[in-house]
Amino acid sequence: MKVGDKVYLRQINRMGKLLSEELHEWVIVKIGRKFIYVGETVDAKEHRLEKFIKEDLRHQKDYGHKWELYFSKKGAKEKEEYLHILRELRKIIPSYGSNCSLDLNQLRKIAEVAGIKTKL
């Protein structure tokens, strides 16, 4: 991770629900001791910046919509598929918990057995 690298953002609401399927391609503008700043272009003075906590990549913002940060399009698509499978499993098993410790491959196997179509 360095200044000038492309990152991908997806808009979410305050509760973590996706607001848009659209991925926005931005650029890392500045990397500080505690925060990563991303903007629509490298020229930070002309475009807005969004600030993410370096340790866990959480969006640092107190109001409005938040963003999820991904370093690749593949990572964003996999997260989308992961959430899709969990939603579909909850339709079949309503008591299925929100603290799922399974990885994507394990969820894909469960979805295959349950007959759930995956997005990818």
PDB file of N, CA and C in Angstrom:
ATOM      1  N   MET A   1       0.850  -1.164   0.000  1.00  0.00           N
ATOM      2  CA  MET A   1       0.000   0.000   0.000  1.00  0.00           C
ATOM      3  C   MET A   1       0.899   1.231   0.000  1.00  0.00           C
ATOM      4  N   LYS A   2       0.702   2.059  -1.036  1.00  0.00           N
ATOM      5  CA  LYS A   2       1.495   3.287  -1.133  1.00  0.00           C
ATOM      6  C   LYS A   2       0.675   4.371  -1.813  1.00  0.00           C
ATOM      7  N   VAL A   3       1.140   5.596  -1.707  1.00  0.00           N
ATOM      8  CA  VAL A   3       0.450   6.722  -2.331  1.00  0.00           C
ATOM      9  C   VAL A   3       0.389   6.497  -3.839  1.00  0.00           C
ATOM     10  N   GLY A   4      -0.773   6.724  -4.420  1.00  0.00           N
ATOM     11  CA  GLY A   4      -0.973   6.529  -5.850  1.00  0.00           C
ATOM     12  C   GLY A   4      -1.629   5.209  -6.203  1.00  0.00           C
ATOM     13  N   ASP A   5      -1.700   4.271  -5.261  1.00  0.00           N
ATOM     14  CA  ASP A   5      -2.368   2.988  -5.515  1.00  0.00           C
ATOM     15  C   ASP A   5      -3.864   3.200  -5.681  1.00  0.00           C
ATOM     16  N   LYS A   6      -4.461   2.427  -6.568  1.00  0.00           N
ATOM     17  CA  LYS A   6      -5.909   2.484  -6.754  1.00  0.00           C
ATOM     18  C   LYS A   6      -6.590   1.667  -5.660  1.00  0.00           C
ATOM     19  N   VAL A   7      -7.690   2.203  -5.157  1.00  0.00           N
ATOM     20  CA  VAL A   7      -8.532   1.488  -4.197  1.00  0.00           C
ATOM     21  C   VAL A   7      -9.966   1.590  -4.679  1.00  0.00           C
ATOM     22  N   TYR A   8     -10.824   0.751  -4.143  1.00  0.00           N
ATOM     23  CA  TYR A   8     -12.220   0.714  -4.568  1.00  0.00           C
ATOM     24  C   TYR A   8     -13.109   0.938  -3.351  1.00  0.00           C
ATOM     25  N   LEU A   9     -14.093   1.797  -3.526  1.00  0.00           N
ATOM     26  CA  LEU A   9     -15.003   2.142  -2.438  1.00  0.00           C
ATOM     27  C   LEU A   9     -16.429   1.784  -2.821  1.00  0.00           C
ATOM     28  N   ARG A  10     -17.175   1.318  -1.821  1.00  0.00           N
ATOM     29  CA  ARG A  10     -18.591   1.049  -2.002  1.00  0.00           C
ATOM     30  C   ARG A  10     -19.318   1.748  -0.866  1.00  0.00           C
ATOM     31  N   GLN A  11     -20.393   2.452  -1.209  1.00  0.00           N
ATOM     32  CA  GLN A  11     -21.132   3.223  -0.218  1.00  0.00           C
ATOM     33  C   GLN A  11     -22.052   2.330   0.608  1.00  0.00           C
ATOM     34  N   ILE A  12     -22.018   2.521   1.924  1.00  0.00           N
ATOM     35  CA  ILE A  12     -22.880   1.791   2.847  1.00  0.00           C
ATOM     36  C   ILE A  12     -23.575   2.798   3.756  1.00  0.00           C
ATOM     37  N   ASN A  13     -24.624   2.365   4.447  1.00  0.00           N
ATOM     38  CA  ASN A  13     -25.275   3.273   5.377  1.00  0.00           C
ATOM     39  C   ASN A  13     -24.678   3.089   6.768  1.00  0.00           C
ATOM     40  N   ARG A  14     -25.224   3.764   7.740  1.00  0.00           N
ATOM     41  CA  ARG A  14     -24.684   3.739   9.095  1.00  0.00           C
ATOM     42  C   ARG A  14     -24.759   2.348   9.731  1.00  0.00           C
ATOM     43  N   MET A  15     -25.662   1.508   9.261  1.00  0.00           N
ATOM     44  CA  MET A  15     -25.822   0.171   9.822  1.00  0.00           C
ATOM     45  C   MET A  15     -25.026  -0.884   9.047  1.00  0.00           C
ATOM     46  N   GLY A  16     -24.240  -0.474   8.074  1.00  0.00           N
ATOM     47  CA  GLY A  16     -23.417  -1.400   7.313  1.00  0.00           C
ATOM     48  C   GLY A  16     -24.095  -2.007   6.101  1.00  0.00           C
ATOM     49  N   LYS A  17     -25.320  -1.604   5.799  1.00  0.00           N
ATOM     50  CA  LYS A  17     -26.034  -2.149   4.645  1.00  0.00           C
ATOM     51  C   LYS A  17     -25.581  -1.425   3.377  1.00  0.00           C
ATOM     52  N   LEU A  18     -25.391  -2.185   2.303  1.00  0.00           N
ATOM     53  CA  LEU A  18     -24.971  -1.586   1.036  1.00  0.00           C
ATOM     54  C   LEU A  18     -26.037  -0.642   0.503  1.00  0.00           C
ATOM     55  N   LEU A  19     -25.614   0.536   0.097  1.00  0.00           N
ATOM     56  CA  LEU A  19     -26.536   1.476  -0.535  1.00  0.00           C
ATOM     57  C   LEU A  19     -26.438   1.401  -2.045  1.00  0.00           C
ATOM     58  N   SER A  20     -25.292   0.947  -2.525  1.00  0.00           N
ATOM     59  CA  SER A  20     -25.077   0.911  -3.965  1.00  0.00           C
ATOM     60  C   SER A  20     -24.198  -0.278  -4.316  1.00  0.00           C
ATOM     61  N   GLU A  21     -24.506  -0.915  -5.417  1.00  0.00           N
ATOM     62  CA  GLU A  21     -23.669  -2.005  -5.922  1.00  0.00           C
ATOM     63  C   GLU A  21     -22.449  -1.452  -6.655  1.00  0.00           C
ATOM     64  N   GLU A  22     -22.497  -0.181  -6.973  1.00  0.00           N
ATOM     65  CA  GLU A  22     -21.455   0.449  -7.775  1.00  0.00           C
ATOM     66  C   GLU A  22     -20.159   0.608  -6.982  1.00  0.00           C
ATOM     67  N   LEU A  23     -19.053   0.251  -7.615  1.00  0.00           N
ATOM     68  CA  LEU A  23     -17.728   0.448  -7.034  1.00  0.00           C
ATOM     69  C   LEU A  23     -17.138   1.737  -7.584  1.00  0.00           C
ATOM     70  N   HIS A  24     -16.585   2.550  -6.709  1.00  0.00           N
ATOM     71  CA  HIS A  24     -15.938   3.788  -7.123  1.00  0.00           C
ATOM     72  C   HIS A  24     -14.427   3.596  -7.031  1.00  0.00           C
ATOM     73  N   GLU A  25     -13.725   3.942  -8.084  1.00  0.00           N
ATOM     74  CA  GLU A  25     -12.275   3.799  -8.097  1.00  0.00           C
ATOM     75  C   GLU A  25     -11.650   5.117  -7.660  1.00  0.00           C
ATOM     76  N   TRP A  26     -10.929   5.087  -6.547  1.00  0.00           N
ATOM     77  CA  TRP A  26     -10.246   6.265  -6.038  1.00  0.00           C
ATOM     78  C   TRP A  26      -8.763   5.947  -5.899  1.00  0.00           C
ATOM     79  N   VAL A  27      -8.005   6.901  -5.402  1.00  0.00           N
ATOM     80  CA  VAL A  27      -6.555   6.760  -5.294  1.00  0.00           C
ATOM     81  C   VAL A  27      -6.125   7.103  -3.866  1.00  0.00           C
ATOM     82  N   ILE A  28      -5.140   6.379  -3.353  1.00  0.00           N
ATOM     83  CA  ILE A  28      -4.571   6.734  -2.051  1.00  0.00           C
ATOM     84  C   ILE A  28      -3.769   8.015  -2.238  1.00  0.00           C
ATOM     85  N   VAL A  29      -4.144   9.049  -1.481  1.00  0.00           N
ATOM     86  CA  VAL A  29      -3.518  10.357  -1.611  1.00  0.00           C
ATOM     87  C   VAL A  29      -2.441  10.565  -0.553  1.00  0.00           C
ATOM     88  N   LYS A  30      -2.699  10.049   0.637  1.00  0.00           N
ATOM     89  CA  LYS A  30      -1.774  10.287   1.746  1.00  0.00           C
ATOM     90  C   LYS A  30      -1.892   9.131   2.719  1.00  0.00           C
ATOM     91  N   ILE A  31      -0.752   8.710   3.269  1.00  0.00           N
ATOM     92  CA  ILE A  31      -0.744   7.689   4.301  1.00  0.00           C
ATOM     93  C   ILE A  31      -0.057   8.286   5.518  1.00  0.00           C
ATOM     94  N   GLY A  32      -0.832   8.466   6.565  1.00  0.00           N
ATOM     95  CA  GLY A  32      -0.294   9.023   7.796  1.00  0.00           C
ATOM     96  C   GLY A  32       0.019   7.942   8.802  1.00  0.00           C
ATOM     97  N   ARG A  33       0.354   8.374  10.004  1.00  0.00           N
ATOM     98  CA  ARG A  33       0.673   7.435  11.068  1.00  0.00           C
ATOM     99  C   ARG A  33      -0.556   6.628  11.481  1.00  0.00           C
ATOM    100  N   LYS A  34      -1.724   7.294  11.502  1.00  0.00           N
ATOM    101  CA  LYS A  34      -2.944   6.647  11.970  1.00  0.00           C
ATOM    102  C   LYS A  34      -4.009   6.468  10.875  1.00  0.00           C
ATOM    103  N   PHE A  35      -3.996   7.312   9.845  1.00  0.00           N
ATOM    104  CA  PHE A  35      -5.049   7.310   8.838  1.00  0.00           C
ATOM    105  C   PHE A  35      -4.520   7.143   7.418  1.00  0.00           C
ATOM    106  N   ILE A  36      -5.396   6.615   6.563  1.00  0.00           N
ATOM    107  CA  ILE A  36      -5.170   6.558   5.118  1.00  0.00           C
ATOM    108  C   ILE A  36      -6.177   7.512   4.496  1.00  0.00           C
ATOM    109  N   TYR A  37      -5.725   8.390   3.628  1.00  0.00           N
ATOM    110  CA  TYR A  37      -6.612   9.341   2.967  1.00  0.00           C
ATOM    111  C   TYR A  37      -6.733   8.943   1.503  1.00  0.00           C
ATOM    112  N   VAL A  38      -7.972   8.807   1.037  1.00  0.00           N
ATOM    113  CA  VAL A  38      -8.199   8.473  -0.367  1.00  0.00           C
ATOM    114  C   VAL A  38      -9.020   9.585  -1.004  1.00  0.00           C
ATOM    115  N   GLY A  39      -8.759   9.833  -2.282  1.00  0.00           N
ATOM    116  CA  GLY A  39      -9.471  10.868  -3.014  1.00  0.00           C
ATOM    117  C   GLY A  39      -9.756  10.412  -4.430  1.00  0.00           C
ATOM    118  N   GLU A  40     -10.555  11.198  -5.125  1.00  0.00           N
ATOM    119  CA  GLU A  40     -10.927  10.828  -6.493  1.00  0.00           C
ATOM    120  C   GLU A  40      -9.766  10.987  -7.465  1.00  0.00           C
ATOM    121  N   THR A  41      -8.815  11.845  -7.131  1.00  0.00           N
ATOM    122  CA  THR A  41      -7.587  11.984  -7.915  1.00  0.00           C
ATOM    123  C   THR A  41      -6.429  12.211  -6.953  1.00  0.00           C
ATOM    124  N   VAL A  42      -5.216  12.246  -7.481  1.00  0.00           N
ATOM    125  CA  VAL A  42      -4.042  12.476  -6.642  1.00  0.00           C
ATOM    126  C   VAL A  42      -4.015  13.922  -6.145  1.00  0.00           C
ATOM    127  N   ASP A  43      -4.628  14.835  -6.866  1.00  0.00           N
ATOM    128  CA  ASP A  43      -4.648  16.240  -6.490  1.00  0.00           C
ATOM    129  C   ASP A  43      -5.655  16.453  -5.356  1.00  0.00           C
ATOM    130  N   ALA A  44      -5.186  16.366  -4.129  1.00  0.00           N
ATOM    131  CA  ALA A  44      -6.064  16.385  -2.956  1.00  0.00           C
ATOM    132  C   ALA A  44      -6.724  17.740  -2.727  1.00  0.00           C
ATOM    133  N   LYS A  45      -6.196  18.807  -3.259  1.00  0.00           N
ATOM    134  CA  LYS A  45      -6.747  20.134  -2.998  1.00  0.00           C
ATOM    135  C   LYS A  45      -8.041  20.389  -3.754  1.00  0.00           C
ATOM    136  N   GLU A  46      -8.231  19.740  -4.884  1.00  0.00           N
ATOM    137  CA  GLU A  46      -9.407  20.012  -5.712  1.00  0.00           C
ATOM    138  C   GLU A  46     -10.564  19.026  -5.471  1.00  0.00           C
ATOM    139  N   HIS A  47     -10.276  17.900  -4.867  1.00  0.00           N
ATOM    140  CA  HIS A  47     -11.302  16.874  -4.699  1.00  0.00           C
ATOM    141  C   HIS A  47     -11.406  16.480  -3.238  1.00  0.00           C
ATOM    142  N   ARG A  48     -12.569  16.003  -2.857  1.00  0.00           N
ATOM    143  CA  ARG A  48     -12.760  15.626  -1.462  1.00  0.00           C
ATOM    144  C   ARG A  48     -11.920  14.410  -1.099  1.00  0.00           C
ATOM    145  N   LEU A  49     -11.598  14.339   0.158  1.00  0.00           N
ATOM    146  CA  LEU A  49     -10.856  13.210   0.689  1.00  0.00           C
ATOM    147  C   LEU A  49     -11.737  12.443   1.664  1.00  0.00           C
ATOM    148  N   GLU A  50     -11.551  11.164   1.725  1.00  0.00           N
ATOM    149  CA  GLU A  50     -12.194  10.343   2.738  1.00  0.00           C
ATOM    150  C   GLU A  50     -11.084   9.724   3.575  1.00  0.00           C
ATOM    151  N   LYS A  51     -11.314   9.626   4.868  1.00  0.00           N
ATOM    152  CA  LYS A  51     -10.297   9.194   5.814  1.00  0.00           C
ATOM    153  C   LYS A  51     -10.669   7.824   6.380  1.00  0.00           C
ATOM    154  N   PHE A  52      -9.700   6.897   6.373  1.00  0.00           N
ATOM    155  CA  PHE A  52      -9.890   5.554   6.900  1.00  0.00           C
ATOM    156  C   PHE A  52      -8.840   5.275   7.963  1.00  0.00           C
ATOM    157  N   ILE A  53      -9.253   4.591   9.028  1.00  0.00           N
ATOM    158  CA  ILE A  53      -8.323   4.208  10.081  1.00  0.00           C
ATOM    159  C   ILE A  53      -7.406   3.126   9.525  1.00  0.00           C
ATOM    160  N   LYS A  54      -6.116   3.346   9.632  1.00  0.00           N
ATOM    161  CA  LYS A  54      -5.123   2.458   9.027  1.00  0.00           C
ATOM    162  C   LYS A  54      -5.168   1.044   9.610  1.00  0.00           C
ATOM    163  N   GLU A  55      -5.433   0.936  10.889  1.00  0.00           N
ATOM    164  CA  GLU A  55      -5.387  -0.348  11.589  1.00  0.00           C
ATOM    165  C   GLU A  55      -6.430  -1.345  11.095  1.00  0.00           C
ATOM    166  N   ASP A  56      -7.688  -0.879  10.898  1.00  0.00           N
ATOM    167  CA  ASP A  56      -8.750  -1.817  10.526  1.00  0.00           C
ATOM    168  C   ASP A  56      -9.559  -1.371   9.302  1.00  0.00           C
ATOM    169  N   LEU A  57      -9.133  -0.323   8.633  1.00  0.00           N
ATOM    170  CA  LEU A  57      -9.728   0.197   7.392  1.00  0.00           C
ATOM    171  C   LEU A  57     -11.174   0.665   7.562  1.00  0.00           C
ATOM    172  N   ARG A  58     -11.572   1.045   8.790  1.00  0.00           N
ATOM    173  CA  ARG A  58     -12.895   1.611   9.008  1.00  0.00           C
ATOM    174  C   ARG A  58     -12.915   3.063   8.558  1.00  0.00           C
ATOM    175  N   HIS A  59     -14.015   3.483   7.987  1.00  0.00           N
ATOM    176  CA  HIS A  59     -14.192   4.857   7.529  1.00  0.00           C
ATOM    177  C   HIS A  59     -14.349   5.760   8.737  1.00  0.00           C
ATOM    178  N   GLN A  60     -13.586   6.819   8.789  1.00  0.00           N
ATOM    179  CA  GLN A  60     -13.631   7.754   9.910  1.00  0.00           C
ATOM    180  C   GLN A  60     -14.528   8.928   9.537  1.00  0.00           C
ATOM    181  N   LYS A  61     -15.800   8.844   9.940  1.00  0.00           N
ATOM    182  CA  LYS A  61     -16.763   9.889   9.621  1.00  0.00           C
ATOM    183  C   LYS A  61     -17.886   9.826  10.640  1.00  0.00           C
ATOM    184  N   ASP A  62     -18.324  10.974  11.122  1.00  0.00           N
ATOM    185  CA  ASP A  62     -19.344  11.007  12.165  1.00  0.00           C
ATOM    186  C   ASP A  62     -20.754  11.197  11.638  1.00  0.00           C
ATOM    187  N   TYR A  63     -20.918  11.545  10.378  1.00  0.00           N
ATOM    188  CA  TYR A  63     -22.243  11.839   9.844  1.00  0.00           C
ATOM    189  C   TYR A  63     -22.332  11.353   8.403  1.00  0.00           C
ATOM    190  N   GLY A  64     -23.555  11.199   7.917  1.00  0.00           N
ATOM    191  CA  GLY A  64     -23.767  10.814   6.522  1.00  0.00           C
ATOM    192  C   GLY A  64     -23.418   9.368   6.249  1.00  0.00           C
ATOM    193  N   HIS A  65     -23.353   9.057   4.972  1.00  0.00           N
ATOM    194  CA  HIS A  65     -23.055   7.697   4.546  1.00  0.00           C
ATOM    195  C   HIS A  65     -21.578   7.395   4.708  1.00  0.00           C
ATOM    196  N   LYS A  66     -21.301   6.133   4.915  1.00  0.00           N
ATOM    197  CA  LYS A  66     -19.921   5.689   5.047  1.00  0.00           C
ATOM    198  C   LYS A  66     -19.515   4.879   3.816  1.00  0.00           C
ATOM    199  N   TRP A  67     -18.240   4.582   3.737  1.00  0.00           N
ATOM    200  CA  TRP A  67     -17.681   3.825   2.621  1.00  0.00           C
ATOM    201  C   TRP A  67     -16.959   2.605   3.154  1.00  0.00           C
ATOM    202  N   GLU A  68     -16.972   1.528   2.367  1.00  0.00           N
ATOM    203  CA  GLU A  68     -16.129   0.367   2.618  1.00  0.00           C
ATOM    204  C   GLU A  68     -14.964   0.439   1.650  1.00  0.00           C
ATOM    205  N   LEU A  69     -13.771   0.161   2.132  1.00  0.00           N
ATOM    206  CA  LEU A  69     -12.548   0.262   1.342  1.00  0.00           C
ATOM    207  C   LEU A  69     -12.069  -1.125   0.946  1.00  0.00           C
ATOM    208  N   TYR A  70     -11.749  -1.289  -0.341  1.00  0.00           N
ATOM    209  CA  TYR A  70     -11.200  -2.545  -0.870  1.00  0.00           C
ATOM    210  C   TYR A  70      -9.957  -2.220  -1.691  1.00  0.00           C
ATOM    211  N   PHE A  71      -8.991  -3.120  -1.668  1.00  0.00           N
ATOM    212  CA  PHE A  71      -7.773  -2.901  -2.441  1.00  0.00           C
ATOM    213  C   PHE A  71      -7.837  -3.542  -3.824  1.00  0.00           C
ATOM    214  N   SER A  72      -8.903  -4.316  -4.081  1.00  0.00           N
ATOM    215  CA  SER A  72      -9.070  -4.908  -5.404  1.00  0.00           C
ATOM    216  C   SER A  72     -10.553  -5.075  -5.698  1.00  0.00           C
ATOM    217  N   LYS A  73     -10.886  -5.150  -6.981  1.00  0.00           N
ATOM    218  CA  LYS A  73     -12.275  -5.394  -7.372  1.00  0.00           C
ATOM    219  C   LYS A  73     -12.694  -6.793  -6.938  1.00  0.00           C
ATOM    220  N   LYS A  74     -11.762  -7.736  -6.995  1.00  0.00           N
ATOM    221  CA  LYS A  74     -12.059  -9.114  -6.608  1.00  0.00           C
ATOM    222  C   LYS A  74     -12.462  -9.184  -5.140  1.00  0.00           C
ATOM    223  N   GLY A  75     -11.766  -8.445  -4.281  1.00  0.00           N
ATOM    224  CA  GLY A  75     -12.107  -8.422  -2.859  1.00  0.00           C
ATOM    225  C   GLY A  75     -13.505  -7.891  -2.620  1.00  0.00           C
ATOM    226  N   ALA A  76     -13.889  -6.866  -3.364  1.00  0.00           N
ATOM    227  CA  ALA A  76     -15.232  -6.292  -3.234  1.00  0.00           C
ATOM    228  C   ALA A  76     -16.298  -7.281  -3.699  1.00  0.00           C
ATOM    229  N   LYS A  77     -16.034  -7.970  -4.813  1.00  0.00           N
ATOM    230  CA  LYS A  77     -16.995  -8.955  -5.339  1.00  0.00           C
ATOM    231  C   LYS A  77     -17.154 -10.131  -4.377  1.00  0.00           C
ATOM    232  N   GLU A  78     -16.041 -10.564  -3.766  1.00  0.00           N
ATOM    233  CA  GLU A  78     -16.113 -11.671  -2.826  1.00  0.00           C
ATOM    234  C   GLU A  78     -16.909 -11.285  -1.582  1.00  0.00           C
ATOM    235  N   LYS A  79     -16.740 -10.058  -1.109  1.00  0.00           N
ATOM    236  CA  LYS A  79     -17.519  -9.593   0.047  1.00  0.00           C
ATOM    237  C   LYS A  79     -19.007  -9.557  -0.300  1.00  0.00           C
ATOM    238  N   GLU A  80     -19.323  -9.115  -1.524  1.00  0.00           N
ATOM    239  CA  GLU A  80     -20.714  -9.074  -1.980  1.00  0.00           C
ATOM    240  C   GLU A  80     -21.308 -10.485  -2.018  1.00  0.00           C
ATOM    241  N   GLU A  81     -20.541 -11.438  -2.542  1.00  0.00           N
ATOM    242  CA  GLU A  81     -21.011 -12.822  -2.605  1.00  0.00           C
ATOM    243  C   GLU A  81     -21.195 -13.403  -1.198  1.00  0.00           C
ATOM    244  N   TYR A  82     -20.270 -13.122  -0.308  1.00  0.00           N
ATOM    245  CA  TYR A  82     -20.334 -13.584   1.081  1.00  0.00           C
ATOM    246  C   TYR A  82     -21.630 -13.117   1.742  1.00  0.00           C
ATOM    247  N   LEU A  83     -21.943 -11.826   1.602  1.00  0.00           N
ATOM    248  CA  LEU A  83     -23.163 -11.276   2.198  1.00  0.00           C
ATOM    249  C   LEU A  83     -24.421 -11.837   1.543  1.00  0.00           C
ATOM    250  N   HIS A  84     -24.368 -12.080   0.232  1.00  0.00           N
ATOM    251  CA  HIS A  84     -25.509 -12.660  -0.484  1.00  0.00           C
ATOM    252  C   HIS A  84     -25.821 -14.059   0.044  1.00  0.00           C
ATOM    253  N   ILE A  85     -24.793 -14.889   0.201  1.00  0.00           N
ATOM    254  CA  ILE A  85     -24.999 -16.248   0.691  1.00  0.00           C
ATOM    255  C   ILE A  85     -25.552 -16.216   2.122  1.00  0.00           C
ATOM    256  N   LEU A  86     -25.013 -15.329   2.959  1.00  0.00           N
ATOM    257  CA  LEU A  86     -25.529 -15.234   4.329  1.00  0.00           C
ATOM    258  C   LEU A  86     -26.998 -14.831   4.359  1.00  0.00           C
ATOM    259  N   ARG A  87     -27.385 -13.871   3.509  1.00  0.00           N
ATOM    260  CA  ARG A  87     -28.801 -13.448   3.444  1.00  0.00           C
ATOM    261  C   ARG A  87     -29.692 -14.611   3.029  1.00  0.00           C
ATOM    262  N   GLU A  88     -29.250 -15.361   2.016  1.00  0.00           N
ATOM    263  CA  GLU A  88     -30.044 -16.489   1.540  1.00  0.00           C
ATOM    264  C   GLU A  88     -30.126 -17.598   2.595  1.00  0.00           C
ATOM    265  N   LEU A  89     -29.034 -17.827   3.334  1.00  0.00           N
ATOM    266  CA  LEU A  89     -29.070 -18.833   4.399  1.00  0.00           C
ATOM    267  C   LEU A  89     -30.032 -18.431   5.507  1.00  0.00           C
ATOM    268  N   ARG A  90     -30.105 -17.151   5.792  1.00  0.00           N
ATOM    269  CA  ARG A  90     -31.015 -16.678   6.834  1.00  0.00           C
ATOM    270  C   ARG A  90     -32.473 -16.828   6.424  1.00  0.00           C
ATOM    271  N   LYS A  91     -32.734 -16.875   5.129  1.00  0.00           N
ATOM    272  CA  LYS A  91     -34.093 -17.140   4.670  1.00  0.00           C
ATOM    273  C   LYS A  91     -34.487 -18.587   4.966  1.00  0.00           C
ATOM    274  N   ILE A  92     -33.505 -19.488   4.866  1.00  0.00           N
ATOM    275  CA  ILE A  92     -33.753 -20.912   5.114  1.00  0.00           C
ATOM    276  C   ILE A  92     -33.710 -21.207   6.614  1.00  0.00           C
ATOM    277  N   ILE A  93     -32.700 -20.638   7.300  1.00  0.00           N
ATOM    278  CA  ILE A  93     -32.520 -20.857   8.740  1.00  0.00           C
ATOM    279  C   ILE A  93     -32.578 -19.487   9.425  1.00  0.00           C
ATOM    280  N   PRO A  94     -33.760 -19.041   9.819  1.00  0.00           N
ATOM    281  CA  PRO A  94     -33.902 -17.695  10.384  1.00  0.00           C
ATOM    282  C   PRO A  94     -33.062 -17.432  11.632  1.00  0.00           C
ATOM    283  N   SER A  95     -32.751 -18.469  12.387  1.00  0.00           N
ATOM    284  CA  SER A  95     -31.994 -18.265  13.620  1.00  0.00           C
ATOM    285  C   SER A  95     -30.483 -18.232  13.389  1.00  0.00           C
ATOM    286  N   TYR A  96     -30.071 -18.289  12.119  1.00  0.00           N
ATOM    287  CA  TYR A  96     -28.638 -18.284  11.820  1.00  0.00           C
ATOM    288  C   TYR A  96     -28.045 -16.952  12.272  1.00  0.00           C
ATOM    289  N   GLY A  97     -27.007 -16.990  13.095  1.00  0.00           N
ATOM    290  CA  GLY A  97     -26.452 -15.796  13.741  1.00  0.00           C
ATOM    291  C   GLY A  97     -25.739 -14.848  12.798  1.00  0.00           C
ATOM    292  N   SER A  98     -25.594 -13.615  13.254  1.00  0.00           N
ATOM    293  CA  SER A  98     -24.918 -12.602  12.452  1.00  0.00           C
ATOM    294  C   SER A  98     -23.408 -12.655  12.640  1.00  0.00           C
ATOM    295  N   ASN A  99     -22.938 -13.333  13.685  1.00  0.00           N
ATOM    296  CA  ASN A  99     -21.500 -13.452  13.922  1.00  0.00           C
ATOM    297  C   ASN A  99     -20.977 -14.727  13.277  1.00  0.00           C
ATOM    298  N   CYS A 100     -20.937 -14.716  11.967  1.00  0.00           N
ATOM    299  CA  CYS A 100     -20.525 -15.884  11.195  1.00  0.00           C
ATOM    300  C   CYS A 100     -19.001 -15.930  11.117  1.00  0.00           C
ATOM    301  N   SER A 101     -18.416 -17.042  11.534  1.00  0.00           N
ATOM    302  CA  SER A 101     -16.959 -17.173  11.503  1.00  0.00           C
ATOM    303  C   SER A 101     -16.480 -18.017  10.326  1.00  0.00           C
ATOM    304  N   LEU A 102     -17.365 -18.308   9.387  1.00  0.00           N
ATOM    305  CA  LEU A 102     -16.994 -19.100   8.219  1.00  0.00           C
ATOM    306  C   LEU A 102     -16.359 -18.218   7.157  1.00  0.00           C
ATOM    307  N   ASP A 103     -15.442 -18.812   6.385  1.00  0.00           N
ATOM    308  CA  ASP A 103     -14.880 -18.055   5.271  1.00  0.00           C
ATOM    309  C   ASP A 103     -15.729 -18.281   4.017  1.00  0.00           C
ATOM    310  N   LEU A 104     -15.383 -17.594   2.934  1.00  0.00           N
ATOM    311  CA  LEU A 104     -16.187 -17.643   1.715  1.00  0.00           C
ATOM    312  C   LEU A 104     -16.266 -19.042   1.124  1.00  0.00           C
ATOM    313  N   ASN A 105     -15.162 -19.786   1.123  1.00  0.00           N
ATOM    314  CA  ASN A 105     -15.184 -21.142   0.554  1.00  0.00           C
ATOM    315  C   ASN A 105     -16.120 -22.060   1.337  1.00  0.00           C
ATOM    316  N   GLN A 106     -16.127 -21.944   2.663  1.00  0.00           N
ATOM    317  CA  GLN A 106     -17.029 -22.756   3.470  1.00  0.00           C
ATOM    318  C   GLN A 106     -18.482 -22.390   3.192  1.00  0.00           C
ATOM    319  N   LEU A 107     -18.761 -21.096   3.055  1.00  0.00           N
ATOM    320  CA  LEU A 107     -20.129 -20.668   2.742  1.00  0.00           C
ATOM    321  C   LEU A 107     -20.560 -21.140   1.361  1.00  0.00           C
ATOM    322  N   ARG A 108     -19.632 -21.158   0.399  1.00  0.00           N
ATOM    323  CA  ARG A 108     -19.956 -21.651  -0.947  1.00  0.00           C
ATOM    324  C   ARG A 108     -20.366 -23.120  -0.899  1.00  0.00           C
ATOM    325  N   LYS A 109     -19.666 -23.911  -0.091  1.00  0.00           N
ATOM    326  CA  LYS A 109     -20.000 -25.331   0.033  1.00  0.00           C
ATOM    327  C   LYS A 109     -21.381 -25.515   0.663  1.00  0.00           C
ATOM    328  N   ILE A 110     -21.670 -24.730   1.688  1.00  0.00           N
ATOM    329  CA  ILE A 110     -22.979 -24.797   2.333  1.00  0.00           C
ATOM    330  C   ILE A 110     -24.062 -24.381   1.345  1.00  0.00           C
ATOM    331  N   ALA A 111     -23.799 -23.332   0.566  1.00  0.00           N
ATOM    332  CA  ALA A 111     -24.764 -22.855  -0.422  1.00  0.00           C
ATOM    333  C   ALA A 111     -25.022 -23.913  -1.483  1.00  0.00           C
ATOM    334  N   GLU A 112     -23.986 -24.623  -1.879  1.00  0.00           N
ATOM    335  CA  GLU A 112     -24.135 -25.687  -2.872  1.00  0.00           C
ATOM    336  C   GLU A 112     -25.043 -26.794  -2.342  1.00  0.00           C
ATOM    337  N   VAL A 113     -24.840 -27.186  -1.097  1.00  0.00           N
ATOM    338  CA  VAL A 113     -25.661 -28.222  -0.486  1.00  0.00           C
ATOM    339  C   VAL A 113     -27.116 -27.758  -0.323  1.00  0.00           C
ATOM    340  N   ALA A 114     -27.268 -26.466   0.052  1.00  0.00           N
ATOM    341  CA  ALA A 114     -28.616 -25.923   0.283  1.00  0.00           C
ATOM    342  C   ALA A 114     -29.315 -25.521  -1.003  1.00  0.00           C
ATOM    343  N   GLY A 115     -28.597 -25.554  -2.123  1.00  0.00           N
ATOM    344  CA  GLY A 115     -29.199 -25.190  -3.398  1.00  0.00           C
ATOM    345  C   GLY A 115     -29.326 -23.697  -3.617  1.00  0.00           C
ATOM    346  N   ILE A 116     -28.442 -22.922  -2.993  1.00  0.00           N
ATOM    347  CA  ILE A 116     -28.451 -21.454  -3.138  1.00  0.00           C
ATOM    348  C   ILE A 116     -27.531 -21.079  -4.287  1.00  0.00           C
ATOM    349  N   LYS A 117     -28.031 -20.247  -5.180  1.00  0.00           N
ATOM    350  CA  LYS A 117     -27.207 -19.767  -6.284  1.00  0.00           C
ATOM    351  C   LYS A 117     -26.309 -18.642  -5.789  1.00  0.00           C
ATOM    352  N   THR A 118     -25.025 -18.739  -6.133  1.00  0.00           N
ATOM    353  CA  THR A 118     -24.087 -17.679  -5.763  1.00  0.00           C
ATOM    354  C   THR A 118     -24.032 -16.641  -6.873  1.00  0.00           C
ATOM    355  N   LYS A 119     -23.584 -15.439  -6.535  1.00  0.00           N
ATOM    356  CA  LYS A 119     -23.572 -14.344  -7.513  1.00  0.00           C
ATOM    357  C   LYS A 119     -22.436 -14.484  -8.524  1.00  0.00           C
ATOM    358  N   LEU A 120     -21.319 -15.093  -8.130  1.00  0.00           N
ATOM    359  CA  LEU A 120     -20.185 -15.166  -9.053  1.00  0.00           C
ATOM    360  C   LEU A 120     -20.225 -16.403  -9.904  1.00  0.00           C
TER     361      LEU A 120
END
